[in-house]
N, C-alpha and C. Protein backbone atom coordinates (compact mmCIF):
# COMPACT_ATOMS: atom_id res chain seq x y z
N UNK A 1 0.87 -1.12 -0.16
CA UNK A 1 0.15 0.02 0.06
C UNK A 1 0.85 1.15 0.05
N UNK A 2 0.35 2.11 -1.01
CA UNK A 2 1.11 3.64 -0.61
C UNK A 2 0.37 4.49 0.13
N UNK A 3 1.13 5.23 0.84
CA UNK A 3 0.39 6.51 1.52
C UNK A 3 0.64 7.59 1.26
N UNK A 4 -0.35 8.48 1.07
CA UNK A 4 -0.16 9.90 0.49
C UNK A 4 -0.69 10.52 1.28
N UNK A 5 0.13 11.72 1.73
CA UNK A 5 -0.72 13.12 2.36
C UNK A 5 -0.66 14.10 1.65
N UNK A 6 -2.15 14.45 1.79
CA UNK A 6 -2.54 15.80 0.84
C UNK A 6 -2.84 16.86 1.72
N UNK A 7 -2.01 18.06 1.68
CA UNK A 7 -2.52 19.41 2.29
C UNK A 7 -2.68 20.11 1.45
N UNK A 8 -3.74 21.10 1.90
CA UNK A 8 -4.30 22.23 0.93
C UNK A 8 -5.48 22.96 2.23
N UNK A 9 -5.27 24.10 2.40
CA UNK A 9 -6.01 24.77 3.18
C UNK A 9 -7.76 25.09 2.79
N UNK A 10 -7.93 24.50 1.56
CA UNK A 10 -9.19 24.80 0.80
C UNK A 10 -10.02 23.40 0.65
N UNK A 11 -10.83 22.94 1.36
CA UNK A 11 -11.42 21.68 1.54
C UNK A 11 -11.74 21.17 0.09
N UNK A 12 -12.35 22.29 -1.07
CA UNK A 12 -12.80 21.68 -2.20
C UNK A 12 -11.82 21.53 -2.98
N UNK A 13 -10.53 22.02 -2.86
CA UNK A 13 -9.32 21.50 -3.54
C UNK A 13 -8.74 20.09 -3.36
N UNK A 14 -8.87 19.91 -1.93
CA UNK A 14 -8.66 18.22 -1.32
C UNK A 14 -9.43 17.31 -2.00
N UNK A 15 -10.58 17.77 -2.05
CA UNK A 15 -11.71 17.05 -2.66
C UNK A 15 -11.38 16.60 -3.82
N UNK A 16 -11.18 17.55 -4.79
CA UNK A 16 -10.67 17.52 -6.07
C UNK A 16 -9.54 16.51 -6.22
N UNK A 17 -8.31 16.95 -5.41
CA UNK A 17 -7.20 15.95 -5.19
C UNK A 17 -7.45 14.73 -5.35
N UNK A 18 -8.45 14.44 -4.36
CA UNK A 18 -8.71 13.14 -3.69
C UNK A 18 -9.65 12.30 -5.02
N UNK A 19 -10.39 13.00 -5.67
CA UNK A 19 -11.24 12.32 -6.59
C UNK A 19 -10.31 12.14 -7.95
N UNK A 20 -9.07 13.03 -8.02
CA UNK A 20 -8.08 12.65 -9.13
C UNK A 20 -7.47 11.44 -8.83
N UNK A 21 -6.89 11.28 -7.52
CA UNK A 21 -5.96 10.46 -7.17
C UNK A 21 -6.42 8.93 -6.91
N UNK A 22 -7.81 8.99 -6.73
CA UNK A 22 -8.45 7.85 -6.53
C UNK A 22 -8.80 6.97 -7.59
N UNK A 23 -8.51 7.97 -8.78
CA UNK A 23 -8.64 7.38 -10.11
C UNK A 23 -7.55 6.64 -10.53
N UNK A 24 -6.55 6.29 -9.98
CA UNK A 24 -5.14 5.75 -10.52
C UNK A 24 -5.35 4.27 -10.40
N UNK A 25 -5.50 3.56 -11.32
CA UNK A 25 -5.62 2.18 -11.53
C UNK A 25 -4.42 1.50 -10.62
N UNK A 26 -4.63 0.63 -9.51
CA UNK A 26 -4.13 -0.14 -8.98
C UNK A 26 -3.03 -1.28 -9.68
N UNK A 27 -3.16 -1.20 -11.04
CA UNK A 27 -2.28 -2.05 -12.00
C UNK A 27 -1.15 -1.27 -12.18
N UNK A 28 -1.29 -0.10 -12.08
CA UNK A 28 -0.11 1.22 -12.62
C UNK A 28 0.70 1.06 -11.31
N UNK A 29 0.09 0.74 -10.48
CA UNK A 29 1.00 0.78 -9.17
C UNK A 29 1.32 -0.60 -8.66
N UNK A 30 1.75 -1.68 -9.38
CA UNK A 30 2.23 -2.77 -8.97
C UNK A 30 1.22 -3.53 -8.30
N UNK A 31 -0.24 -3.37 -8.62
CA UNK A 31 -1.20 -3.98 -7.82
C UNK A 31 -1.31 -3.21 -6.25
N UNK A 32 -0.59 -2.22 -5.86
CA UNK A 32 -0.71 -1.70 -4.61
C UNK A 32 -1.80 -0.71 -4.65
N UNK A 33 -2.65 -0.52 -3.39
CA UNK A 33 -3.72 0.69 -3.34
C UNK A 33 -3.01 1.80 -2.87
N UNK A 34 -3.95 2.71 -2.95
CA UNK A 34 -3.62 4.23 -2.32
C UNK A 34 -4.29 4.50 -1.17
N UNK A 35 -3.63 4.82 -0.22
CA UNK A 35 -4.17 5.20 1.11
C UNK A 35 -3.98 6.50 0.83
N UNK A 36 -5.01 7.47 1.07
CA UNK A 36 -4.93 9.08 1.13
C UNK A 36 -5.27 9.46 2.40
N UNK A 37 -4.57 10.51 3.03
CA UNK A 37 -4.71 11.36 3.97
C UNK A 37 -4.93 12.70 3.67
N UNK A 38 -6.04 13.27 4.32
CA UNK A 38 -5.83 14.64 3.80
C UNK A 38 -6.07 15.84 5.20
N UNK A 39 -5.53 16.92 4.86
CA UNK A 39 -5.34 17.57 5.93
C UNK A 39 -5.57 19.30 5.48
N UNK A 40 -5.79 20.04 6.26
CA UNK A 40 -6.48 21.53 5.92
C UNK A 40 -5.55 22.24 6.61
N UNK A 41 -4.57 21.60 7.54
CA UNK A 41 -3.85 22.41 8.44
C UNK A 41 -2.44 21.91 8.55
N UNK A 42 -1.60 22.83 7.97
CA UNK A 42 -0.05 21.98 8.14
C UNK A 42 0.36 21.67 9.68
N UNK A 43 -0.28 22.24 10.58
CA UNK A 43 0.17 21.61 11.90
C UNK A 43 -0.23 20.26 12.34
N UNK A 44 -1.52 20.10 11.88
CA UNK A 44 -1.96 18.52 11.95
C UNK A 44 -1.36 17.69 11.28
N UNK A 45 -0.93 17.89 9.99
CA UNK A 45 -0.34 17.10 8.74
C UNK A 45 1.02 16.93 9.58
N UNK A 46 1.99 17.84 9.98
CA UNK A 46 3.22 17.60 10.69
C UNK A 46 3.07 16.61 11.97
N UNK A 47 2.06 16.81 12.87
CA UNK A 47 1.99 15.86 13.77
C UNK A 47 1.60 14.48 13.47
N UNK A 48 0.83 14.36 12.25
CA UNK A 48 0.65 13.12 11.73
C UNK A 48 1.96 12.29 11.08
N UNK A 49 2.67 13.08 10.81
CA UNK A 49 3.85 12.70 9.96
C UNK A 49 4.91 12.15 11.32
N UNK A 50 4.41 12.54 12.27
CA UNK A 50 5.40 12.13 13.39
C UNK A 50 4.84 10.94 14.12
N UNK A 51 3.76 10.51 13.34
CA UNK A 51 3.17 8.91 13.85
C UNK A 51 3.12 7.88 12.67
N UNK A 52 3.22 8.50 11.13
CA UNK A 52 3.12 7.82 10.39
C UNK A 52 3.85 8.11 9.05
N UNK A 53 4.45 7.24 8.47
CA UNK A 53 5.45 7.38 7.31
C UNK A 53 4.64 7.38 6.22
N UNK A 54 5.13 8.39 5.22
CA UNK A 54 4.25 8.31 3.86
C UNK A 54 5.07 8.36 2.76
N UNK A 55 4.78 7.79 1.51
CA UNK A 55 5.50 7.36 0.37
C UNK A 55 5.31 8.68 -0.41
N UNK A 56 4.66 9.74 -0.37
CA UNK A 56 4.75 10.90 -1.11
C UNK A 56 4.02 11.92 -0.12
N UNK A 57 4.14 12.98 -0.33
CA UNK A 57 3.57 14.33 0.48
C UNK A 57 3.41 15.41 -0.79
N UNK A 58 2.31 15.78 -0.69
CA UNK A 58 1.59 16.86 -1.54
C UNK A 58 0.93 18.13 -0.90
N UNK A 59 1.73 19.27 -1.28
CA UNK A 59 1.26 20.33 -0.72
C UNK A 59 0.95 21.53 -1.44
N UNK A 60 -0.18 22.38 -0.96
CA UNK A 60 -0.60 23.58 -1.43
C UNK A 60 1.13 24.67 -1.37
N UNK A 61 1.00 25.59 -2.25
CA UNK A 61 2.25 26.39 -1.61
C UNK A 61 1.44 27.75 -0.61
N UNK A 62 0.57 27.98 -0.80
CA UNK A 62 0.17 29.39 -0.02
C UNK A 62 -0.91 29.21 1.02
N UNK A 63 -0.63 29.12 2.27
CA UNK A 63 -1.77 28.79 3.11
C UNK A 63 -1.47 29.75 4.26
N UNK A 64 -2.41 29.97 5.16
CA UNK A 64 -2.60 30.87 6.26
C UNK A 64 -1.31 30.90 7.02
N UNK A 65 -1.36 29.69 7.87
CA UNK A 65 -0.52 29.54 9.01
C UNK A 65 1.08 29.20 8.50
N UNK A 66 1.12 28.65 7.25
CA UNK A 66 2.65 28.20 6.90
C UNK A 66 2.44 28.07 5.73
N UNK A 67 3.65 28.47 4.78
CA UNK A 67 3.68 28.45 3.42
C UNK A 67 4.09 26.68 3.17
N UNK A 68 4.02 26.18 1.66
CA UNK A 68 4.19 24.93 1.32
C UNK A 68 5.86 24.71 1.71
N UNK A 69 6.53 25.57 1.45
CA UNK A 69 8.22 25.33 1.26
C UNK A 69 8.35 25.20 2.67
N UNK A 70 8.07 25.93 3.77
CA UNK A 70 8.38 25.67 5.21
C UNK A 70 7.53 24.24 5.57
N UNK A 71 6.41 24.02 5.07
CA UNK A 71 5.84 22.77 5.64
C UNK A 71 6.81 21.67 5.07
N UNK A 72 7.19 21.82 3.88
CA UNK A 72 7.64 20.63 3.11
C UNK A 72 9.25 20.39 3.63
N UNK A 73 9.79 21.58 3.93
CA UNK A 73 11.05 21.51 4.47
C UNK A 73 11.07 20.74 5.98
N UNK A 74 9.92 21.13 6.66
CA UNK A 74 9.57 20.18 8.05
C UNK A 74 9.69 18.65 7.86
N UNK A 75 8.93 18.35 6.68
CA UNK A 75 8.78 17.05 6.31
C UNK A 75 9.79 16.31 6.09
N UNK A 76 10.88 17.00 5.04
CA UNK A 76 12.11 16.72 4.60
C UNK A 76 13.09 16.06 5.95
N UNK A 77 12.67 17.04 7.19
CA UNK A 77 13.59 16.56 8.27
C UNK A 77 12.93 15.52 8.82
N UNK A 78 11.89 15.05 8.85
CA UNK A 78 11.05 14.11 9.44
C UNK A 78 11.25 12.92 8.79
N UNK A 79 10.90 13.00 7.41
CA UNK A 79 10.87 11.71 6.58
C UNK A 79 11.62 12.23 5.32
N UNK A 80 13.05 12.22 5.52
CA UNK A 80 13.62 12.52 4.19
C UNK A 80 13.52 11.87 3.15
N UNK A 81 13.20 10.52 2.99
CA UNK A 81 12.83 9.72 1.99
C UNK A 81 11.65 9.74 1.38
N UNK A 82 10.80 10.56 1.95
CA UNK A 82 9.43 11.07 1.23
C UNK A 82 9.85 11.90 0.04
N UNK A 83 9.12 11.51 -0.97
CA UNK A 83 9.20 12.67 -2.15
C UNK A 83 8.32 13.83 -1.75
N UNK A 84 8.46 15.00 -2.20
CA UNK A 84 7.68 16.22 -1.79
C UNK A 84 7.25 16.70 -3.15
N UNK A 85 5.76 17.09 -3.18
CA UNK A 85 5.45 17.97 -4.25
C UNK A 85 4.78 19.20 -3.82
N UNK A 86 4.88 20.45 -4.40
CA UNK A 86 3.92 21.45 -4.17
C UNK A 86 3.12 21.84 -5.57
N UNK A 87 1.81 21.98 -4.90
CA UNK A 87 0.86 22.41 -6.05
C UNK A 87 0.51 23.68 -6.05
N UNK A 88 0.48 24.47 -6.84
CA UNK A 88 0.15 25.76 -6.63
C UNK A 88 -0.16 26.81 -7.90
N UNK A 89 -1.18 27.48 -7.42
CA UNK A 89 -1.67 28.62 -8.83
C UNK A 89 -0.58 29.86 -8.68
N UNK A 90 0.51 29.88 -8.07
CA UNK A 90 1.32 31.03 -7.99
C UNK A 90 2.51 30.25 -8.26
N UNK A 91 2.86 30.36 -9.43
CA UNK A 91 4.09 29.56 -9.90
C UNK A 91 5.08 30.89 -10.54
N UNK A 92 5.60 31.79 -9.39
CA UNK A 92 6.57 32.83 -9.76
C UNK A 92 7.85 32.12 -9.70
N UNK A 93 8.75 32.59 -10.67
CA UNK A 93 10.12 32.04 -10.57
C UNK A 93 11.03 31.89 -8.93
N UNK A 94 10.58 32.95 -8.50
CA UNK A 94 11.18 32.93 -6.97
C UNK A 94 10.94 31.96 -6.08
N UNK A 95 9.52 31.49 -6.14
CA UNK A 95 8.65 30.73 -5.11
C UNK A 95 9.30 29.27 -5.74
N UNK A 96 8.95 29.04 -6.88
CA UNK A 96 10.00 27.94 -7.51
C UNK A 96 11.31 27.45 -6.86
N UNK A 97 12.10 28.50 -7.36
CA UNK A 97 13.47 28.30 -6.73
C UNK A 97 13.46 27.97 -5.43
N UNK A 98 12.72 28.83 -4.60
CA UNK A 98 13.17 28.60 -3.07
C UNK A 98 12.46 27.42 -2.77
N UNK A 99 11.26 26.90 -3.33
CA UNK A 99 10.76 25.43 -2.86
C UNK A 99 11.58 24.37 -3.43
N UNK A 100 12.41 24.15 -4.48
CA UNK A 100 13.25 23.31 -4.97
C UNK A 100 14.53 23.31 -4.04
N UNK A 101 15.07 24.57 -3.57
CA UNK A 101 16.19 24.60 -3.02
C UNK A 101 16.12 24.26 -1.40
N UNK A 102 14.76 24.94 -0.88
CA UNK A 102 14.77 24.62 0.58
C UNK A 102 14.13 23.44 0.94
N UNK A 103 13.27 22.97 0.10
CA UNK A 103 12.23 21.56 0.56
C UNK A 103 12.56 20.35 -0.33
N UNK A 104 13.63 20.47 -1.36
CA UNK A 104 14.12 19.61 -2.18
C UNK A 104 13.04 18.90 -3.02
N UNK A 105 12.18 19.71 -3.51
CA UNK A 105 11.00 19.11 -4.14
C UNK A 105 11.47 18.09 -5.53
N UNK A 106 10.63 17.32 -5.24
CA UNK A 106 10.57 16.38 -6.66
C UNK A 106 9.77 17.04 -7.73
N UNK A 107 8.69 17.55 -7.67
CA UNK A 107 7.99 18.39 -8.53
C UNK A 107 7.37 19.41 -8.16
N UNK A 108 6.98 20.47 -8.90
CA UNK A 108 6.34 21.67 -8.53
C UNK A 108 5.04 21.53 -9.84
N UNK A 109 3.91 21.74 -9.41
CA UNK A 109 2.75 21.31 -10.52
C UNK A 109 1.69 22.52 -10.44
N UNK A 110 1.48 23.16 -11.85
CA UNK A 110 0.74 24.25 -11.48
C UNK A 110 -0.75 23.95 -11.25
N UNK A 111 -1.47 24.78 -10.68
CA UNK A 111 -2.57 24.70 -10.59
C UNK A 111 -3.58 25.64 -11.67
N UNK A 112 -4.61 25.57 -12.39
CA UNK A 112 -5.37 24.15 -12.22
C UNK A 112 -4.28 22.93 -12.98
N UNK A 113 -4.30 21.95 -12.24
CA UNK A 113 -3.70 20.73 -12.95
C UNK A 113 -4.49 20.03 -13.94
N UNK A 114 -4.04 19.20 -14.79
CA UNK A 114 -4.76 18.24 -15.54
C UNK A 114 -4.39 16.84 -14.79
N UNK A 115 -5.72 16.41 -14.93
CA UNK A 115 -5.98 15.22 -13.94
C UNK A 115 -4.87 14.04 -14.35
N UNK A 116 -5.13 13.74 -15.93
CA UNK A 116 -4.13 12.86 -16.49
C UNK A 116 -2.50 12.81 -16.09
N UNK A 117 -2.08 14.34 -16.19
CA UNK A 117 -0.74 14.45 -16.04
C UNK A 117 -0.64 14.28 -14.38
N UNK A 118 -1.19 14.74 -13.45
CA UNK A 118 -1.49 14.52 -12.13
C UNK A 118 -1.04 13.16 -11.99
N UNK A 119 -1.99 12.39 -12.38
CA UNK A 119 -2.04 10.99 -11.80
C UNK A 119 -0.65 10.27 -12.76
N UNK A 120 -0.16 10.87 -13.69
CA UNK A 120 0.92 10.13 -14.54
C UNK A 120 2.06 10.63 -13.50
N UNK A 121 2.13 11.88 -13.06
CA UNK A 121 3.33 12.36 -12.20
C UNK A 121 3.50 11.42 -10.75
N UNK A 122 2.06 11.24 -10.09
CA UNK A 122 2.22 10.55 -9.13
C UNK A 122 2.68 9.18 -9.10
N UNK A 123 2.29 8.50 -9.96
CA UNK A 123 2.68 6.96 -10.53
C UNK A 123 4.22 7.04 -10.86
N UNK A 124 4.64 7.96 -11.68
CA UNK A 124 5.86 8.06 -11.96
C UNK A 124 6.79 8.27 -10.41
N UNK A 125 6.45 9.32 -9.57
CA UNK A 125 7.17 9.46 -8.39
C UNK A 125 7.36 8.07 -7.50
N UNK A 126 5.97 7.82 -7.34
CA UNK A 126 5.90 6.45 -6.61
C UNK A 126 6.89 5.51 -7.12
N UNK A 127 6.88 5.02 -8.45
CA UNK A 127 7.49 3.97 -8.96
C UNK A 127 9.18 4.41 -8.94
N UNK A 128 9.37 5.71 -8.79
CA UNK A 128 10.89 5.94 -8.96
C UNK A 128 11.27 6.15 -7.38
N UNK A 129 10.47 6.14 -6.58
CA UNK A 129 10.95 6.15 -5.06
C UNK A 129 11.33 4.39 -4.66
N UNK A 130 10.25 3.98 -5.27
CA UNK A 130 10.23 2.34 -4.71
C UNK A 130 11.40 1.55 -5.51
N UNK A 131 11.72 2.24 -6.82
CA UNK A 131 12.89 1.60 -7.36
C UNK A 131 14.54 1.98 -6.78
N UNK A 132 14.44 2.97 -6.31
CA UNK A 132 15.61 3.54 -5.46
C UNK A 132 15.57 2.86 -4.21
N UNK A 133 14.61 2.74 -3.33
CA UNK A 133 14.50 1.72 -2.50
C UNK A 133 15.01 0.24 -2.57
N UNK A 134 14.54 0.01 -3.72
CA UNK A 134 15.04 -1.38 -4.01
C UNK A 134 16.21 -1.63 -4.42
N UNK A 135 17.02 -0.64 -4.78
CA UNK A 135 18.33 -0.73 -5.21
C UNK A 135 19.29 -0.57 -3.91
N UNK A 136 18.90 -0.17 -2.93
CA UNK A 136 19.68 -0.10 -1.77
C UNK A 136 19.47 -1.01 -1.09
N UNK A 137 20.42 -2.12 -1.14
CA UNK A 137 19.98 -3.37 -0.10
C UNK A 137 20.32 -2.85 1.43
N UNK A 138 21.27 -1.96 1.45
CA UNK A 138 21.55 -1.42 3.33
C UNK A 138 20.28 -0.88 3.68
N UNK A 139 19.50 0.03 2.94
CA UNK A 139 18.52 0.53 3.46
C UNK A 139 17.20 -0.55 3.60
N UNK A 140 17.20 -1.54 2.64
CA UNK A 140 15.93 -2.48 2.64
C UNK A 140 16.23 -3.63 3.78
N UNK A 141 17.76 -4.14 4.10
CA UNK A 141 17.81 -4.84 5.19
C UNK A 141 17.52 -3.87 6.47
N UNK A 142 17.92 -2.78 6.39
CA UNK A 142 17.55 -1.90 7.98
C UNK A 142 16.24 -1.61 8.12
N UNK A 143 15.13 -1.40 6.95
CA UNK A 143 14.01 -1.28 7.20
C UNK A 143 13.26 -2.41 7.61
N UNK A 144 13.54 -3.56 7.15
CA UNK A 144 13.02 -4.92 7.28
C UNK A 144 13.48 -5.02 9.00
N UNK A 145 14.56 -4.93 9.67
CA UNK A 145 14.54 -4.85 10.60
C UNK A 145 14.32 -4.14 11.51
N UNK A 146 13.95 -2.82 11.14
CA UNK A 146 13.59 -1.98 12.27
C UNK A 146 12.40 -2.22 12.58
N UNK A 147 11.90 -1.35 13.94
CA UNK A 147 10.58 -1.71 14.53
C UNK A 147 9.83 -0.45 13.78
N UNK A 148 8.53 -0.55 13.94
CA UNK A 148 7.53 0.77 13.54
C UNK A 148 7.84 1.92 13.56
N UNK A 149 8.38 2.37 14.69
CA UNK A 149 8.80 3.55 15.42
C UNK A 149 10.28 3.76 15.55
N UNK A 150 11.13 3.08 14.44
CA UNK A 150 12.47 3.24 14.22
C UNK A 150 12.92 5.03 13.88
N UNK A 151 12.21 5.40 12.83
CA UNK A 151 12.38 6.80 12.47
C UNK A 151 12.28 7.59 13.56
N UNK A 152 11.09 7.44 14.27
CA UNK A 152 10.74 8.58 15.51
C UNK A 152 12.00 8.26 16.48
N UNK A 153 12.56 7.34 17.04
CA UNK A 153 13.72 6.79 17.80
C UNK A 153 14.88 7.39 17.15
N UNK A 154 15.23 7.28 16.09
CA UNK A 154 16.48 7.99 15.24
C UNK A 154 16.45 9.44 15.31
N UNK A 155 15.24 10.09 14.98
CA UNK A 155 15.19 11.66 15.43
C UNK A 155 15.34 11.97 16.62
N UNK A 156 14.88 11.09 17.71
CA UNK A 156 15.31 11.55 18.99
C UNK A 156 16.56 11.26 19.53
N UNK A 157 17.07 10.32 18.88
CA UNK A 157 18.56 10.06 19.27
C UNK A 157 19.33 11.46 18.55
N UNK A 158 19.14 11.60 17.28
CA UNK A 158 19.79 12.58 16.81
C UNK A 158 19.58 14.09 17.37
N UNK A 159 18.43 14.32 17.82
CA UNK A 159 18.10 15.56 18.54
C UNK A 159 18.92 15.58 19.81
N UNK A 160 19.12 14.54 20.84
CA UNK A 160 19.73 14.26 22.08
C UNK A 160 21.15 14.71 21.46
N UNK A 161 21.64 13.79 20.65
CA UNK A 161 23.41 13.80 20.34
C UNK A 161 23.49 14.17 19.07
N UNK A 162 23.44 15.16 18.37
CA UNK A 162 23.72 15.74 16.96
C UNK A 162 24.39 14.79 16.56
N UNK A 163 24.43 14.32 15.44
CA UNK A 163 25.45 13.55 14.60
C UNK A 163 25.65 11.98 14.94
N UNK A 164 24.90 11.53 15.99
CA UNK A 164 24.88 10.21 16.46
C UNK A 164 24.45 9.17 15.36
N UNK A 165 23.71 9.50 14.35
CA UNK A 165 22.84 8.69 13.46
C UNK A 165 23.66 8.41 12.25
N UNK A 166 24.67 9.36 12.20
CA UNK A 166 25.48 9.19 10.80
C UNK A 166 26.86 8.44 10.66
N UNK A 167 27.01 7.55 10.11
CA UNK A 167 28.30 6.89 9.90
C UNK A 167 29.05 6.84 9.06
N UNK A 168 30.40 6.90 9.47
CA UNK A 168 31.35 7.17 8.43
C UNK A 168 32.06 5.70 8.12
N UNK A 169 32.22 5.28 7.19
CA UNK A 169 32.78 3.88 6.86
C UNK A 169 33.97 4.01 5.75
N UNK A 170 34.94 2.83 6.13
CA UNK A 170 36.24 2.74 5.19
C UNK A 170 35.97 2.29 3.96
N UNK A 171 36.75 2.15 3.06
CA UNK A 171 36.28 1.29 1.78
C UNK A 171 35.89 -0.23 1.89
N UNK A 172 36.31 -0.84 2.89
CA UNK A 172 36.01 -2.12 3.34
C UNK A 172 34.72 -2.29 4.18
N UNK A 173 33.90 -1.20 4.35
CA UNK A 173 32.66 -1.02 5.15
C UNK A 173 32.97 -0.80 6.56
N UNK A 174 34.17 -0.76 7.06
CA UNK A 174 34.15 -0.83 8.45
C UNK A 174 33.68 0.56 8.88
N UNK A 175 33.20 0.74 10.43
CA UNK A 175 32.63 1.91 10.89
C UNK A 175 33.75 2.38 11.48
N UNK A 176 33.91 4.02 10.97
CA UNK A 176 35.01 4.71 11.41
C UNK A 176 34.43 5.58 12.76
N UNK A 177 35.40 5.89 13.59
CA UNK A 177 34.75 6.87 14.49
C UNK A 177 36.21 8.03 14.63
N UNK A 178 35.66 9.04 15.11
CA UNK A 178 36.25 10.14 15.58
C UNK A 178 36.78 10.08 16.93
N UNK A 179 38.16 10.30 17.05
CA UNK A 179 38.63 10.52 18.28
C UNK A 179 39.44 12.02 18.19
N UNK A 180 39.83 12.14 19.49
CA UNK A 180 39.67 13.62 20.41
C UNK A 180 40.14 14.45 19.29
N UNK A 181 41.39 14.06 18.52
CA UNK A 181 42.03 15.22 17.58
C UNK A 181 41.66 15.23 16.45
N UNK A 182 40.28 14.49 16.00
CA UNK A 182 39.45 14.87 14.96
C UNK A 182 40.09 13.84 13.68
N UNK A 183 40.68 13.04 13.91
CA UNK A 183 41.21 11.97 13.13
C UNK A 183 40.12 10.84 13.15
N UNK A 184 40.31 10.40 11.83
CA UNK A 184 39.19 9.04 11.45
C UNK A 184 40.17 7.86 11.89
N UNK A 185 39.58 6.92 12.49
CA UNK A 185 40.20 5.56 12.60
C UNK A 185 39.16 4.56 12.66
N UNK A 186 39.56 3.49 11.92
CA UNK A 186 38.73 2.50 11.72
C UNK A 186 38.17 1.76 13.05
N UNK A 187 37.11 1.40 13.07
CA UNK A 187 36.76 0.47 14.34
C UNK A 187 37.46 -0.79 14.59
N UNK A 188 37.95 -1.30 13.21
CA UNK A 188 38.60 -2.53 13.24
C UNK A 188 39.88 -2.42 14.04
N UNK A 189 40.51 -1.18 14.45
CA UNK A 189 41.70 -1.22 15.20
C UNK A 189 41.32 -1.22 16.61
N UNK A 190 39.92 -1.22 17.08
CA UNK A 190 39.60 -1.27 18.29
C UNK A 190 38.68 -2.92 18.82
N UNK A 191 38.41 -3.34 17.50
CA UNK A 191 37.56 -4.44 17.83
C UNK A 191 37.38 -5.22 16.31
N UNK A 192 38.67 -5.80 16.06
CA UNK A 192 38.81 -6.44 14.62
C UNK A 192 37.64 -7.35 14.45
N UNK A 193 36.75 -7.83 15.29
CA UNK A 193 35.88 -8.74 14.68
C UNK A 193 34.56 -8.28 14.21
N UNK A 194 34.58 -6.69 14.69
CA UNK A 194 33.28 -5.91 14.43
C UNK A 194 33.15 -5.59 13.24
N UNK A 195 32.04 -6.20 12.23
CA UNK A 195 32.14 -5.48 10.70
C UNK A 195 30.27 -5.38 10.61
N UNK A 196 30.15 -4.29 10.08
CA UNK A 196 28.88 -3.99 9.68
C UNK A 196 27.98 -5.42 9.07
N UNK A 197 26.91 -5.42 9.50
CA UNK A 197 26.08 -6.99 8.71
C UNK A 197 25.53 -6.50 7.41
N UNK A 198 25.23 -5.11 7.19
CA UNK A 198 24.77 -5.08 5.91
C UNK A 198 25.67 -4.55 4.78
C-alpha cells in the first residue's frame, strides 16, 4: 500500500485531489492500493507525520499559517526519503526556486492541474521512489529489521546527540569513529571482529 498525504487549506481543492488520485488504477502501481490522508492544517499534517511514514507528500504553496516550502522543509527533516510535491496557482520563478532549494522538491505542479498529468506524475514518483529503495540493499535490510517507530527513535537520538545517527565507513565497510584530535580511525583497530552486517 502507498500512503499519500495531501495538504491544502481549501477543502474543495482537497476533494478534487482525492477524486483525481483515487482514479489511479492499482495495476499502474504494481497492484498496490493508495491510502490518502487529507489535511487542511499544516500543523495537523506535521503531527500525523510524526506518527506515520508517507510514500509521497503533496502540499499547496500558499496557506495562512505556514507556506508549502516551510511545511515540506519540516517534512524533509522528519521523513527525508518521502518525495515532496507542491501544487500551486502561484508559479512565480522565485517561489519555484525557493521550493526546490529549501524543500528539495520532487516536482512543482501548476494549478489548475490536468488530472491525467497529475496521475501520471504520482505514478512516476511512486515508482521511482520504490525503485530507489530496491536498489539499496542496506536501506532494505535496515527497514526490514527496524521497528515501526524506528524513524521516530532515530530523530530523538539525533536531537539528543547531534551526529549520532551518521556513520563514516572505510572502503571495506568498516565503521569509522572520530577520536579527540579529529582524525578518523577504523573501528577495526579497536575490535577487529566487528563488521557491519549490511
